[in-house]
PDB file of N, CA and C in Angstrom:
ATOM      1  N   UNK A   1      27.337   5.622  -5.906  1.00  0.00           N
ATOM      2  CA  UNK A   1      26.007   6.178  -5.805  1.00  0.00           C
ATOM      3  C   UNK A   1      25.477   5.987  -4.398  1.00  0.00           C
ATOM      4  N   UNK A   2      24.533   6.841  -4.028  1.00  0.00           N
ATOM      5  CA  UNK A   2      23.887   6.735  -2.727  1.00  0.00           C
ATOM      6  C   UNK A   2      22.489   7.319  -2.812  1.00  0.00           C
ATOM      7  N   UNK A   3      21.603   6.861  -1.937  1.00  0.00           N
ATOM      8  CA  UNK A   3      20.249   7.425  -1.880  1.00  0.00           C
ATOM      9  C   UNK A   3      20.345   8.769  -1.190  1.00  0.00           C
ATOM     10  N   UNK A   4      19.778   9.810  -1.807  1.00  0.00           N
ATOM     11  CA  UNK A   4      19.813  11.152  -1.238  1.00  0.00           C
ATOM     12  C   UNK A   4      18.541  11.486  -0.465  1.00  0.00           C
ATOM     13  N   UNK A   5      17.386  11.229  -1.091  1.00  0.00           N
ATOM     14  CA  UNK A   5      16.129  11.499  -0.393  1.00  0.00           C
ATOM     15  C   UNK A   5      14.985  10.718  -1.011  1.00  0.00           C
ATOM     16  N   UNK A   6      13.895  10.654  -0.261  1.00  0.00           N
ATOM     17  CA  UNK A   6      12.639  10.104  -0.743  1.00  0.00           C
ATOM     18  C   UNK A   6      11.631  11.242  -0.711  1.00  0.00           C
ATOM     19  N   UNK A   7      10.916  11.467  -1.803  1.00  0.00           N
ATOM     20  CA  UNK A   7       9.960  12.559  -1.888  1.00  0.00           C
ATOM     21  C   UNK A   7       8.549  12.036  -1.670  1.00  0.00           C
ATOM     22  N   UNK A   8       7.806  12.728  -0.806  1.00  0.00           N
ATOM     23  CA  UNK A   8       6.400  12.430  -0.564  1.00  0.00           C
ATOM     24  C   UNK A   8       5.585  13.693  -0.817  1.00  0.00           C
ATOM     25  N   UNK A   9       4.497  13.564  -1.556  1.00  0.00           N
ATOM     26  CA  UNK A   9       3.589  14.695  -1.766  1.00  0.00           C
ATOM     27  C   UNK A   9       2.614  14.742  -0.592  1.00  0.00           C
ATOM     28  N   UNK A  10       2.452  15.909  -0.007  1.00  0.00           N
ATOM     29  CA  UNK A  10       1.597  16.045   1.167  1.00  0.00           C
ATOM     30  C   UNK A  10       0.521  17.099   0.929  1.00  0.00           C
ATOM     31  N   UNK A  11      -0.614  16.925   1.614  1.00  0.00           N
ATOM     32  CA  UNK A  11      -1.744  17.833   1.460  1.00  0.00           C
ATOM     33  C   UNK A  11      -1.736  19.005   2.417  1.00  0.00           C
ATOM     34  N   UNK A  12      -0.954  18.932   3.475  1.00  0.00           N
ATOM     35  CA  UNK A  12      -0.842  20.016   4.448  1.00  0.00           C
ATOM     36  C   UNK A  12       0.592  19.979   4.958  1.00  0.00           C
ATOM     37  N   UNK A  13       1.392  20.922   4.515  1.00  0.00           N
ATOM     38  CA  UNK A  13       2.828  20.875   4.799  1.00  0.00           C
ATOM     39  C   UNK A  13       3.123  20.971   6.290  1.00  0.00           C
ATOM     40  N   UNK A  14       2.494  21.889   6.999  1.00  0.00           N
ATOM     41  CA  UNK A  14       2.800  22.042   8.415  1.00  0.00           C
ATOM     42  C   UNK A  14       2.396  20.803   9.207  1.00  0.00           C
ATOM     43  N   UNK A  15       1.250  20.225   8.887  1.00  0.00           N
ATOM     44  CA  UNK A  15       0.809  18.997   9.563  1.00  0.00           C
ATOM     45  C   UNK A  15       1.833  17.879   9.347  1.00  0.00           C
ATOM     46  N   UNK A  16       2.347  17.754   8.120  1.00  0.00           N
ATOM     47  CA  UNK A  16       3.344  16.721   7.821  1.00  0.00           C
ATOM     48  C   UNK A  16       4.660  17.000   8.542  1.00  0.00           C
ATOM     49  N   UNK A  17       5.106  18.250   8.537  1.00  0.00           N
ATOM     50  CA  UNK A  17       6.332  18.617   9.254  1.00  0.00           C
ATOM     51  C   UNK A  17       6.178  18.294  10.733  1.00  0.00           C
ATOM     52  N   UNK A  18       5.038  18.637  11.316  1.00  0.00           N
ATOM     53  CA  UNK A  18       4.794  18.358  12.733  1.00  0.00           C
ATOM     54  C   UNK A  18       4.885  16.856  13.016  1.00  0.00           C
ATOM     55  N   UNK A  19       4.316  16.036  12.140  1.00  0.00           N
ATOM     56  CA  UNK A  19       4.379  14.582  12.343  1.00  0.00           C
ATOM     57  C   UNK A  19       5.822  14.093  12.332  1.00  0.00           C
ATOM     58  N   UNK A  20       6.570  14.446  11.308  1.00  0.00           N
ATOM     59  CA  UNK A  20       7.933  13.927  11.174  1.00  0.00           C
ATOM     60  C   UNK A  20       8.883  14.488  12.231  1.00  0.00           C
ATOM     61  N   UNK A  21       8.638  15.715  12.718  1.00  0.00           N
ATOM     62  CA  UNK A  21       9.516  16.278  13.745  1.00  0.00           C
ATOM     63  C   UNK A  21       9.045  15.924  15.153  1.00  0.00           C
ATOM     64  N   UNK A  22       7.776  16.131  15.446  1.00  0.00           N
ATOM     65  CA  UNK A  22       7.287  15.947  16.810  1.00  0.00           C
ATOM     66  C   UNK A  22       7.011  14.485  17.154  1.00  0.00           C
ATOM     67  N   UNK A  23       6.589  13.695  16.184  1.00  0.00           N
ATOM     68  CA  UNK A  23       6.230  12.304  16.474  1.00  0.00           C
ATOM     69  C   UNK A  23       7.370  11.343  16.153  1.00  0.00           C
ATOM     70  N   UNK A  24       8.073  11.557  15.039  1.00  0.00           N
ATOM     71  CA  UNK A  24       9.184  10.664  14.693  1.00  0.00           C
ATOM     72  C   UNK A  24      10.553  11.221  15.077  1.00  0.00           C
ATOM     73  N   UNK A  25      10.606  12.451  15.576  1.00  0.00           N
ATOM     74  CA  UNK A  25      11.852  13.001  16.089  1.00  0.00           C
ATOM     75  C   UNK A  25      12.861  13.463  15.059  1.00  0.00           C
ATOM     76  N   UNK A  26      12.424  13.676  13.811  1.00  0.00           N
ATOM     77  CA  UNK A  26      13.331  14.188  12.789  1.00  0.00           C
ATOM     78  C   UNK A  26      13.533  15.687  12.990  1.00  0.00           C
ATOM     79  N   UNK A  27      14.500  16.229  12.291  1.00  0.00           N
ATOM     80  CA  UNK A  27      14.781  17.657  12.304  1.00  0.00           C
ATOM     81  C   UNK A  27      14.402  18.240  10.951  1.00  0.00           C
ATOM     82  N   UNK A  28      13.768  19.408  10.973  1.00  0.00           N
ATOM     83  CA  UNK A  28      13.511  20.134   9.728  1.00  0.00           C
ATOM     84  C   UNK A  28      14.849  20.729   9.303  1.00  0.00           C
ATOM     85  N   UNK A  29      15.392  20.255   8.190  1.00  0.00           N
ATOM     86  CA  UNK A  29      16.730  20.630   7.749  1.00  0.00           C
ATOM     87  C   UNK A  29      16.742  21.901   6.906  1.00  0.00           C
ATOM     88  N   UNK A  30      15.750  22.043   6.032  1.00  0.00           N
ATOM     89  CA  UNK A  30      15.675  23.242   5.189  1.00  0.00           C
ATOM     90  C   UNK A  30      14.344  23.239   4.460  1.00  0.00           C
ATOM     91  N   UNK A  31      13.929  24.409   4.023  1.00  0.00           N
ATOM     92  CA  UNK A  31      12.717  24.557   3.214  1.00  0.00           C
ATOM     93  C   UNK A  31      13.025  25.486   2.045  1.00  0.00           C
ATOM     94  N   UNK A  32      12.207  25.376   1.012  1.00  0.00           N
ATOM     95  CA  UNK A  32      12.307  26.316  -0.108  1.00  0.00           C
ATOM     96  C   UNK A  32      10.934  26.453  -0.749  1.00  0.00           C
ATOM     97  N   UNK A  33      10.663  27.645  -1.246  1.00  0.00           N
ATOM     98  CA  UNK A  33       9.401  27.913  -1.936  1.00  0.00           C
ATOM     99  C   UNK A  33       9.679  28.276  -3.378  1.00  0.00           C
ATOM    100  N   UNK A  34       8.768  27.880  -4.248  1.00  0.00           N
ATOM    101  CA  UNK A  34       8.851  28.257  -5.642  1.00  0.00           C
ATOM    102  C   UNK A  34       7.510  28.862  -6.046  1.00  0.00           C
ATOM    103  N   UNK A  35       7.348  30.188  -5.844  1.00  0.00           N
ATOM    104  CA  UNK A  35       6.069  30.840  -6.155  1.00  0.00           C
ATOM    105  C   UNK A  35       5.676  30.734  -7.630  1.00  0.00           C
ATOM    106  N   UNK A  36       6.650  30.743  -8.522  1.00  0.00           N
ATOM    107  CA  UNK A  36       6.331  30.675  -9.956  1.00  0.00           C
ATOM    108  C   UNK A  36       5.605  29.378 -10.296  1.00  0.00           C
ATOM    109  N   UNK A  37       6.065  28.267  -9.705  1.00  0.00           N
ATOM    110  CA  UNK A  37       5.457  26.973  -9.992  1.00  0.00           C
ATOM    111  C   UNK A  37       4.554  26.474  -8.858  1.00  0.00           C
ATOM    112  N   UNK A  38       4.367  27.299  -7.848  1.00  0.00           N
ATOM    113  CA  UNK A  38       3.399  27.074  -6.773  1.00  0.00           C
ATOM    114  C   UNK A  38       3.629  25.779  -6.002  1.00  0.00           C
ATOM    115  N   UNK A  39       4.838  25.636  -5.455  1.00  0.00           N
ATOM    116  CA  UNK A  39       5.100  24.508  -4.572  1.00  0.00           C
ATOM    117  C   UNK A  39       6.103  24.916  -3.496  1.00  0.00           C
ATOM    118  N   UNK A  40       6.079  24.176  -2.388  1.00  0.00           N
ATOM    119  CA  UNK A  40       7.012  24.364  -1.283  1.00  0.00           C
ATOM    120  C   UNK A  40       7.623  23.010  -0.947  1.00  0.00           C
ATOM    121  N   UNK A  41       8.923  23.002  -0.667  1.00  0.00           N
ATOM    122  CA  UNK A  41       9.637  21.787  -0.285  1.00  0.00           C
ATOM    123  C   UNK A  41      10.134  21.918   1.147  1.00  0.00           C
ATOM    124  N   UNK A  42      10.086  20.821   1.872  1.00  0.00           N
ATOM    125  CA  UNK A  42      10.671  20.755   3.213  1.00  0.00           C
ATOM    126  C   UNK A  42      11.482  19.465   3.282  1.00  0.00           C
ATOM    127  N   UNK A  43      12.724  19.582   3.707  1.00  0.00           N
ATOM    128  CA  UNK A  43      13.602  18.417   3.842  1.00  0.00           C
ATOM    129  C   UNK A  43      13.792  18.127   5.324  1.00  0.00           C
ATOM    130  N   UNK A  44      13.577  16.855   5.696  1.00  0.00           N
ATOM    131  CA  UNK A  44      13.677  16.435   7.088  1.00  0.00           C
ATOM    132  C   UNK A  44      14.543  15.200   7.196  1.00  0.00           C
ATOM    133  N   UNK A  45      15.087  14.970   8.385  1.00  0.00           N
ATOM    134  CA  UNK A  45      15.861  13.760   8.610  1.00  0.00           C
ATOM    135  C   UNK A  45      16.468  13.759   9.989  1.00  0.00           C
ATOM    136  N   UNK A  46      17.239  12.715  10.270  1.00  0.00           N
ATOM    137  CA  UNK A  46      17.956  12.598  11.534  1.00  0.00           C
ATOM    138  C   UNK A  46      19.350  13.194  11.405  1.00  0.00           C
ATOM    139  N   UNK A  47      19.789  13.381  10.182  1.00  0.00           N
ATOM    140  CA  UNK A  47      21.023  14.067   9.825  1.00  0.00           C
ATOM    141  C   UNK A  47      20.844  14.440   8.355  1.00  0.00           C
ATOM    142  N   UNK A  48      21.677  15.334   7.867  1.00  0.00           N
ATOM    143  CA  UNK A  48      21.512  15.753   6.477  1.00  0.00           C
ATOM    144  C   UNK A  48      22.500  15.034   5.571  1.00  0.00           C
ATOM    145  N   UNK A  49      22.268  15.156   4.273  1.00  0.00           N
ATOM    146  CA  UNK A  49      23.176  14.582   3.282  1.00  0.00           C
ATOM    147  C   UNK A  49      24.551  15.201   3.463  1.00  0.00           C
ATOM    148  N   UNK A  50      25.620  14.500   3.250  1.00  0.00           N
ATOM    149  CA  UNK A  50      25.668  13.123   2.776  1.00  0.00           C
ATOM    150  C   UNK A  50      25.650  12.094   3.898  1.00  0.00           C
ATOM    151  N   UNK A  51      25.538  12.547   5.155  1.00  0.00           N
ATOM    152  CA  UNK A  51      25.567  11.618   6.294  1.00  0.00           C
ATOM    153  C   UNK A  51      24.435  10.603   6.236  1.00  0.00           C
ATOM    154  N   UNK A  52      23.218  11.061   5.960  1.00  0.00           N
ATOM    155  CA  UNK A  52      22.049  10.183   5.876  1.00  0.00           C
ATOM    156  C   UNK A  52      21.112  10.693   4.800  1.00  0.00           C
ATOM    157  N   UNK A  53      20.281   9.781   4.294  1.00  0.00           N
ATOM    158  CA  UNK A  53      19.243  10.181   3.341  1.00  0.00           C
ATOM    159  C   UNK A  53      18.184  11.002   4.075  1.00  0.00           C
ATOM    160  N   UNK A  54      17.457  11.807   3.322  1.00  0.00           N
ATOM    161  CA  UNK A  54      16.449  12.704   3.875  1.00  0.00           C
ATOM    162  C   UNK A  54      15.069  12.370   3.313  1.00  0.00           C
ATOM    163  N   UNK A  55      14.048  12.933   3.945  1.00  0.00           N
ATOM    164  CA  UNK A  55      12.683  12.883   3.432  1.00  0.00           C
ATOM    165  C   UNK A  55      12.390  14.262   2.860  1.00  0.00           C
ATOM    166  N   UNK A  56      11.931  14.315   1.622  1.00  0.00           N
ATOM    167  CA  UNK A  56      11.515  15.569   1.002  1.00  0.00           C
ATOM    168  C   UNK A  56       9.991  15.591   0.975  1.00  0.00           C
ATOM    169  N   UNK A  57       9.392  16.539   1.673  1.00  0.00           N
ATOM    170  CA  UNK A  57       7.950  16.729   1.629  1.00  0.00           C
ATOM    171  C   UNK A  57       7.662  17.809   0.591  1.00  0.00           C
ATOM    172  N   UNK A  58       6.816  17.493  -0.361  1.00  0.00           N
ATOM    173  CA  UNK A  58       6.459  18.438  -1.412  1.00  0.00           C
ATOM    174  C   UNK A  58       4.996  18.825  -1.258  1.00  0.00           C
ATOM    175  N   UNK A  59       4.767  20.122  -1.092  1.00  0.00           N
ATOM    176  CA  UNK A  59       3.399  20.633  -1.025  1.00  0.00           C
ATOM    177  C   UNK A  59       3.144  21.440  -2.291  1.00  0.00           C
ATOM    178  N   UNK A  60       2.255  20.924  -3.142  1.00  0.00           N
ATOM    179  CA  UNK A  60       1.810  21.652  -4.333  1.00  0.00           C
ATOM    180  C   UNK A  60       0.633  22.510  -3.897  1.00  0.00           C
ATOM    181  N   UNK A  61       0.800  23.811  -3.973  1.00  0.00           N
ATOM    182  CA  UNK A  61      -0.166  24.752  -3.427  1.00  0.00           C
ATOM    183  C   UNK A  61      -1.579  24.449  -3.923  1.00  0.00           C
ATOM    184  N   UNK A  62      -2.492  24.331  -2.996  1.00  0.00           N
ATOM    185  CA  UNK A  62      -3.896  24.113  -3.324  1.00  0.00           C
ATOM    186  C   UNK A  62      -4.304  22.653  -3.448  1.00  0.00           C
ATOM    187  N   UNK A  63      -3.354  21.719  -3.402  1.00  0.00           N
ATOM    188  CA  UNK A  63      -3.689  20.288  -3.485  1.00  0.00           C
ATOM    189  C   UNK A  63      -3.692  19.740  -2.061  1.00  0.00           C
ATOM    190  N   UNK A  64      -4.860  19.317  -1.604  1.00  0.00           N
ATOM    191  CA  UNK A  64      -4.994  18.882  -0.215  1.00  0.00           C
ATOM    192  C   UNK A  64      -4.965  17.376  -0.028  1.00  0.00           C
ATOM    193  N   UNK A  65      -5.012  16.602  -1.115  1.00  0.00           N
ATOM    194  CA  UNK A  65      -5.066  15.153  -0.966  1.00  0.00           C
ATOM    195  C   UNK A  65      -4.564  14.480  -2.239  1.00  0.00           C
ATOM    196  N   UNK A  66      -3.933  13.323  -2.061  1.00  0.00           N
ATOM    197  CA  UNK A  66      -3.449  12.510  -3.177  1.00  0.00           C
ATOM    198  C   UNK A  66      -3.974  11.103  -3.030  1.00  0.00           C
ATOM    199  N   UNK A  67      -4.134  10.397  -4.141  1.00  0.00           N
ATOM    200  CA  UNK A  67      -4.461   8.979  -4.101  1.00  0.00           C
ATOM    201  C   UNK A  67      -3.170   8.215  -3.841  1.00  0.00           C
ATOM    202  N   UNK A  68      -3.246   7.211  -2.988  1.00  0.00           N
ATOM    203  CA  UNK A  68      -2.045   6.482  -2.616  1.00  0.00           C
ATOM    204  C   UNK A  68      -1.520   5.564  -3.714  1.00  0.00           C
ATOM    205  N   UNK A  69      -2.388   4.976  -4.481  1.00  0.00           N
ATOM    206  CA  UNK A  69      -1.914   4.040  -5.489  1.00  0.00           C
ATOM    207  C   UNK A  69      -1.498   2.727  -4.851  1.00  0.00           C
ATOM    208  N   UNK A  70      -0.998   1.830  -5.651  1.00  0.00           N
ATOM    209  CA  UNK A  70      -0.638   0.506  -5.140  1.00  0.00           C
ATOM    210  C   UNK A  70       0.850   0.186  -5.272  1.00  0.00           C
ATOM    211  N   UNK A  71       1.635   1.074  -5.847  1.00  0.00           N
ATOM    212  CA  UNK A  71       3.049   0.773  -6.072  1.00  0.00           C
ATOM    213  C   UNK A  71       3.919   1.089  -4.858  1.00  0.00           C
ATOM    214  N   UNK A  72       3.650   2.170  -4.163  1.00  0.00           N
ATOM    215  CA  UNK A  72       4.477   2.567  -3.023  1.00  0.00           C
ATOM    216  C   UNK A  72       4.199   1.661  -1.834  1.00  0.00           C
ATOM    217  N   UNK A  73       5.251   1.227  -1.157  1.00  0.00           N
ATOM    218  CA  UNK A  73       5.095   0.370   0.010  1.00  0.00           C
ATOM    219  C   UNK A  73       5.224   1.142   1.308  1.00  0.00           C
ATOM    220  N   UNK A  74       6.464   1.454   1.706  1.00  0.00           N
ATOM    221  CA  UNK A  74       6.684   2.152   2.959  1.00  0.00           C
ATOM    222  C   UNK A  74       8.113   2.676   3.032  1.00  0.00           C
ATOM    223  N   UNK A  75       8.329   3.526   4.024  1.00  0.00           N
ATOM    224  CA  UNK A  75       9.658   3.991   4.416  1.00  0.00           C
ATOM    225  C   UNK A  75      10.024   3.178   5.654  1.00  0.00           C
ATOM    226  N   UNK A  76      11.279   2.808   5.827  1.00  0.00           N
ATOM    227  CA  UNK A  76      11.700   2.050   6.998  1.00  0.00           C
ATOM    228  C   UNK A  76      12.691   2.863   7.828  1.00  0.00           C
ATOM    229  N   UNK A  77      12.492   2.822   9.151  1.00  0.00           N
ATOM    230  CA  UNK A  77      13.392   3.482  10.094  1.00  0.00           C
ATOM    231  C   UNK A  77      13.931   2.442  11.066  1.00  0.00           C
ATOM    232  N   UNK A  78      15.227   2.450  11.296  1.00  0.00           N
ATOM    233  CA  UNK A  78      15.832   1.545  12.261  1.00  0.00           C
ATOM    234  C   UNK A  78      15.972   2.220  13.610  1.00  0.00           C
ATOM    235  N   UNK A  79      15.798   1.436  14.695  1.00  0.00           N
ATOM    236  CA  UNK A  79      15.892   1.971  16.049  1.00  0.00           C
ATOM    237  C   UNK A  79      16.177   0.845  17.031  1.00  0.00           C
ATOM    238  N   UNK A  80      16.679   1.187  18.213  1.00  0.00           N
ATOM    239  CA  UNK A  80      17.042   0.133  19.164  1.00  0.00           C
ATOM    240  C   UNK A  80      15.866  -0.530  19.868  1.00  0.00           C
ATOM    241  N   UNK A  81      14.731   0.164  20.048  1.00  0.00           N
ATOM    242  CA  UNK A  81      13.616  -0.399  20.809  1.00  0.00           C
ATOM    243  C   UNK A  81      12.292  -0.002  20.157  1.00  0.00           C
ATOM    244  N   UNK A  82      11.743  -0.878  19.327  1.00  0.00           N
ATOM    245  CA  UNK A  82      10.501  -0.586  18.611  1.00  0.00           C
ATOM    246  C   UNK A  82       9.317  -0.482  19.576  1.00  0.00           C
ATOM    247  N   UNK A  83       9.312  -1.307  20.620  1.00  0.00           N
ATOM    248  CA  UNK A  83       8.215  -1.252  21.596  1.00  0.00           C
ATOM    249  C   UNK A  83       8.137   0.140  22.236  1.00  0.00           C
ATOM    250  N   UNK A  84       9.281   0.655  22.688  1.00  0.00           N
ATOM    251  CA  UNK A  84       9.323   1.980  23.314  1.00  0.00           C
ATOM    252  C   UNK A  84       8.972   3.064  22.296  1.00  0.00           C
ATOM    253  N   UNK A  85       9.435   2.910  21.065  1.00  0.00           N
ATOM    254  CA  UNK A  85       9.129   3.894  20.027  1.00  0.00           C
ATOM    255  C   UNK A  85       7.628   3.971  19.785  1.00  0.00           C
ATOM    256  N   UNK A  86       6.952   2.832  19.756  1.00  0.00           N
ATOM    257  CA  UNK A  86       5.501   2.819  19.562  1.00  0.00           C
ATOM    258  C   UNK A  86       4.794   3.546  20.698  1.00  0.00           C
ATOM    259  N   UNK A  87       5.242   3.340  21.918  1.00  0.00           N
ATOM    260  CA  UNK A  87       4.628   4.017  23.062  1.00  0.00           C
ATOM    261  C   UNK A  87       4.825   5.530  22.966  1.00  0.00           C
ATOM    262  N   UNK A  88       6.039   5.966  22.587  1.00  0.00           N
ATOM    263  CA  UNK A  88       6.307   7.406  22.422  1.00  0.00           C
ATOM    264  C   UNK A  88       5.442   7.983  21.307  1.00  0.00           C
ATOM    265  N   UNK A  89       5.329   7.262  20.197  1.00  0.00           N
ATOM    266  CA  UNK A  89       4.546   7.739  19.057  1.00  0.00           C
ATOM    267  C   UNK A  89       3.082   7.878  19.439  1.00  0.00           C
ATOM    268  N   UNK A  90       2.523   6.882  20.114  1.00  0.00           N
ATOM    269  CA  UNK A  90       1.119   6.952  20.540  1.00  0.00           C
ATOM    270  C   UNK A  90       0.906   8.087  21.542  1.00  0.00           C
ATOM    271  N   UNK A  91       1.838   8.255  22.479  1.00  0.00           N
ATOM    272  CA  UNK A  91       1.721   9.321  23.478  1.00  0.00           C
ATOM    273  C   UNK A  91       1.762  10.698  22.831  1.00  0.00           C
ATOM    274  N   UNK A  92       2.465  10.813  21.705  1.00  0.00           N
ATOM    275  CA  UNK A  92       2.566  12.090  20.997  1.00  0.00           C
ATOM    276  C   UNK A  92       1.414  12.305  20.016  1.00  0.00           C
ATOM    277  N   UNK A  93       0.488  11.339  19.938  1.00  0.00           N
ATOM    278  CA  UNK A  93      -0.665  11.484  19.057  1.00  0.00           C
ATOM    279  C   UNK A  93      -0.518  10.794  17.715  1.00  0.00           C
ATOM    280  N   UNK A  94       0.551  10.032  17.525  1.00  0.00           N
ATOM    281  CA  UNK A  94       0.750   9.313  16.268  1.00  0.00           C
ATOM    282  C   UNK A  94      -0.106   8.064  16.193  1.00  0.00           C
ATOM    283  N   UNK A  95      -0.259   7.547  14.985  1.00  0.00           N
ATOM    284  CA  UNK A  95      -1.114   6.388  14.732  1.00  0.00           C
ATOM    285  C   UNK A  95      -0.268   5.147  14.451  1.00  0.00           C
ATOM    286  N   UNK A  96      -0.267   4.216  15.399  1.00  0.00           N
ATOM    287  CA  UNK A  96       0.412   2.928  15.213  1.00  0.00           C
ATOM    288  C   UNK A  96      -0.605   1.990  14.572  1.00  0.00           C
ATOM    289  N   UNK A  97      -0.290   1.500  13.385  1.00  0.00           N
ATOM    290  CA  UNK A  97      -1.238   0.647  12.659  1.00  0.00           C
ATOM    291  C   UNK A  97      -0.898  -0.831  12.743  1.00  0.00           C
ATOM    292  N   UNK A  98       0.299  -1.144  13.226  1.00  0.00           N
ATOM    293  CA  UNK A  98       0.698  -2.538  13.501  1.00  0.00           C
ATOM    294  C   UNK A  98       1.598  -2.474  14.713  1.00  0.00           C
ATOM    295  N   UNK A  99       1.117  -3.011  15.810  1.00  0.00           N
ATOM    296  CA  UNK A  99       1.871  -2.955  17.063  1.00  0.00           C
ATOM    297  C   UNK A  99       3.202  -3.688  16.929  1.00  0.00           C
ATOM    298  N   UNK A 100       4.132  -3.338  17.789  1.00  0.00           N
ATOM    299  CA  UNK A 100       5.456  -3.950  17.794  1.00  0.00           C
ATOM    300  C   UNK A 100       5.363  -5.444  18.087  1.00  0.00           C
ATOM    301  N   UNK A 101       6.129  -6.214  17.350  1.00  0.00           N
ATOM    302  CA  UNK A 101       6.187  -7.656  17.545  1.00  0.00           C
ATOM    303  C   UNK A 101       7.000  -8.280  16.431  1.00  0.00           C
ATOM    304  N   UNK A 102       7.246  -9.576  16.533  1.00  0.00           N
ATOM    305  CA  UNK A 102       8.047 -10.254  15.510  1.00  0.00           C
ATOM    306  C   UNK A 102       7.361 -10.235  14.139  1.00  0.00           C
ATOM    307  N   UNK A 103       8.166 -10.081  13.105  1.00  0.00           N
ATOM    308  CA  UNK A 103       7.658 -10.155  11.741  1.00  0.00           C
ATOM    309  C   UNK A 103       7.140 -11.569  11.511  1.00  0.00           C
ATOM    310  N   UNK A 104       6.100 -11.696  10.712  1.00  0.00           N
ATOM    311  CA  UNK A 104       5.557 -13.030  10.421  1.00  0.00           C
ATOM    312  C   UNK A 104       6.648 -13.899   9.788  1.00  0.00           C
ATOM    313  N   UNK A 105       6.841 -15.076  10.354  1.00  0.00           N
ATOM    314  CA  UNK A 105       7.824 -16.004   9.817  1.00  0.00           C
ATOM    315  C   UNK A 105       9.248 -15.699  10.216  1.00  0.00           C
ATOM    316  N   UNK A 106       9.445 -14.767  11.172  1.00  0.00           N
ATOM    317  CA  UNK A 106      10.804 -14.428  11.570  1.00  0.00           C
ATOM    318  C   UNK A 106      10.859 -13.944  13.000  1.00  0.00           C
ATOM    319  N   UNK A 107      11.992 -13.385  13.366  1.00  0.00           N
ATOM    320  CA  UNK A 107      12.166 -12.923  14.742  1.00  0.00           C
ATOM    321  C   UNK A 107      12.451 -11.427  14.850  1.00  0.00           C
ATOM    322  N   UNK A 108      12.656 -10.743  13.739  1.00  0.00           N
ATOM    323  CA  UNK A 108      12.917  -9.318  13.770  1.00  0.00           C
ATOM    324  C   UNK A 108      11.675  -8.592  14.291  1.00  0.00           C
ATOM    325  N   UNK A 109      11.879  -7.668  15.231  1.00  0.00           N
ATOM    326  CA  UNK A 109      10.779  -6.897  15.805  1.00  0.00           C
ATOM    327  C   UNK A 109      10.506  -5.701  14.896  1.00  0.00           C
ATOM    328  N   UNK A 110       9.243  -5.589  14.479  1.00  0.00           N
ATOM    329  CA  UNK A 110       8.824  -4.480  13.614  1.00  0.00           C
ATOM    330  C   UNK A 110       7.503  -3.907  14.124  1.00  0.00           C
ATOM    331  N   UNK A 111       7.153  -2.748  13.599  1.00  0.00           N
ATOM    332  CA  UNK A 111       5.845  -2.126  13.809  1.00  0.00           C
ATOM    333  C   UNK A 111       5.619  -1.219  12.616  1.00  0.00           C
ATOM    334  N   UNK A 112       4.398  -0.748  12.462  1.00  0.00           N
ATOM    335  CA  UNK A 112       4.082   0.222  11.416  1.00  0.00           C
ATOM    336  C   UNK A 112       3.324   1.389  12.007  1.00  0.00           C
ATOM    337  N   UNK A 113       3.645   2.581  11.512  1.00  0.00           N
ATOM    338  CA  UNK A 113       2.883   3.785  11.826  1.00  0.00           C
ATOM    339  C   UNK A 113       2.468   4.399  10.498  1.00  0.00           C
ATOM    340  N   UNK A 114       1.460   5.247  10.549  1.00  0.00           N
ATOM    341  CA  UNK A 114       0.979   5.923   9.349  1.00  0.00           C
ATOM    342  C   UNK A 114       1.037   7.421   9.580  1.00  0.00           C
ATOM    343  N   UNK A 115       1.572   8.159   8.602  1.00  0.00           N
ATOM    344  CA  UNK A 115       1.642   9.608   8.750  1.00  0.00           C
ATOM    345  C   UNK A 115       0.290  10.232   8.399  1.00  0.00           C
ATOM    346  N   UNK A 116       0.123  11.540   8.588  1.00  0.00           N
ATOM    347  CA  UNK A 116      -1.182  12.171   8.354  1.00  0.00           C
ATOM    348  C   UNK A 116      -1.698  12.071   6.921  1.00  0.00           C
ATOM    349  N   UNK A 117      -0.807  11.834   5.958  1.00  0.00           N
ATOM    350  CA  UNK A 117      -1.233  11.706   4.568  1.00  0.00           C
ATOM    351  C   UNK A 117      -1.448  10.256   4.163  1.00  0.00           C
ATOM    352  N   UNK A 118      -1.260   9.324   5.095  1.00  0.00           N
ATOM    353  CA  UNK A 118      -1.506   7.917   4.816  1.00  0.00           C
ATOM    354  C   UNK A 118      -0.282   7.112   4.432  1.00  0.00           C
ATOM    355  N   UNK A 119       0.907   7.717   4.418  1.00  0.00           N
ATOM    356  CA  UNK A 119       2.120   6.977   4.083  1.00  0.00           C
ATOM    357  C   UNK A 119       2.497   6.067   5.246  1.00  0.00           C
ATOM    358  N   UNK A 120       2.921   4.854   4.911  1.00  0.00           N
ATOM    359  CA  UNK A 120       3.299   3.875   5.928  1.00  0.00           C
ATOM    360  C   UNK A 120       4.787   3.973   6.235  1.00  0.00           C
ATOM    361  N   UNK A 121       5.101   3.853   7.531  1.00  0.00           N
ATOM    362  CA  UNK A 121       6.473   3.885   7.986  1.00  0.00           C
ATOM    363  C   UNK A 121       6.700   2.656   8.850  1.00  0.00           C
ATOM    364  N   UNK A 122       7.667   1.818   8.438  1.00  0.00           N
ATOM    365  CA  UNK A 122       7.988   0.626   9.203  1.00  0.00           C
ATOM    366  C   UNK A 122       9.091   0.961  10.198  1.00  0.00           C
ATOM    367  N   UNK A 123       8.911   0.520  11.424  1.00  0.00           N
ATOM    368  CA  UNK A 123       9.918   0.658  12.461  1.00  0.00           C
ATOM    369  C   UNK A 123      10.576  -0.712  12.623  1.00  0.00           C
ATOM    370  N   UNK A 124      11.891  -0.765  12.523  1.00  0.00           N
ATOM    371  CA  UNK A 124      12.630  -2.029  12.596  1.00  0.00           C
ATOM    372  C   UNK A 124      13.636  -1.957  13.731  1.00  0.00           C
ATOM    373  N   UNK A 125      13.584  -2.935  14.616  1.00  0.00           N
ATOM    374  CA  UNK A 125      14.504  -2.957  15.737  1.00  0.00           C
ATOM    375  C   UNK A 125      15.875  -3.386  15.260  1.00  0.00           C
ATOM    376  N   UNK A 126      16.881  -2.595  15.571  1.00  0.00           N
ATOM    377  CA  UNK A 126      18.276  -2.857  15.174  1.00  0.00           C
ATOM    378  C   UNK A 126      19.170  -2.799  16.385  1.00  0.00           C
TER     379      UNK A 126
END
């Protein structure tokens, strides 16, 4: 078994696509529309399945906002330099909600950013 994708419901599909492609550097891999059931899907990632898991953005037509709830935590992305990534994200208009630095009680360098719909993304230095 392997993880294929993580699905996030978004209130504005183009705004979400712009964030994941322009700010986090992912590629829009494919989209599909289902007019009968009134939703559009966009799959993004740094590579497509089966090479890497993808993010599935689901836009239910006419729904502009969702409640976050308390069960979902975050998506994590690994990268060589979290400090530089935070600077690139801020320069591109992204929102860094926890600056790069060591995790509490450890030495791993992490940061957090938030996408336009409020989903948290952890950046982990690898």
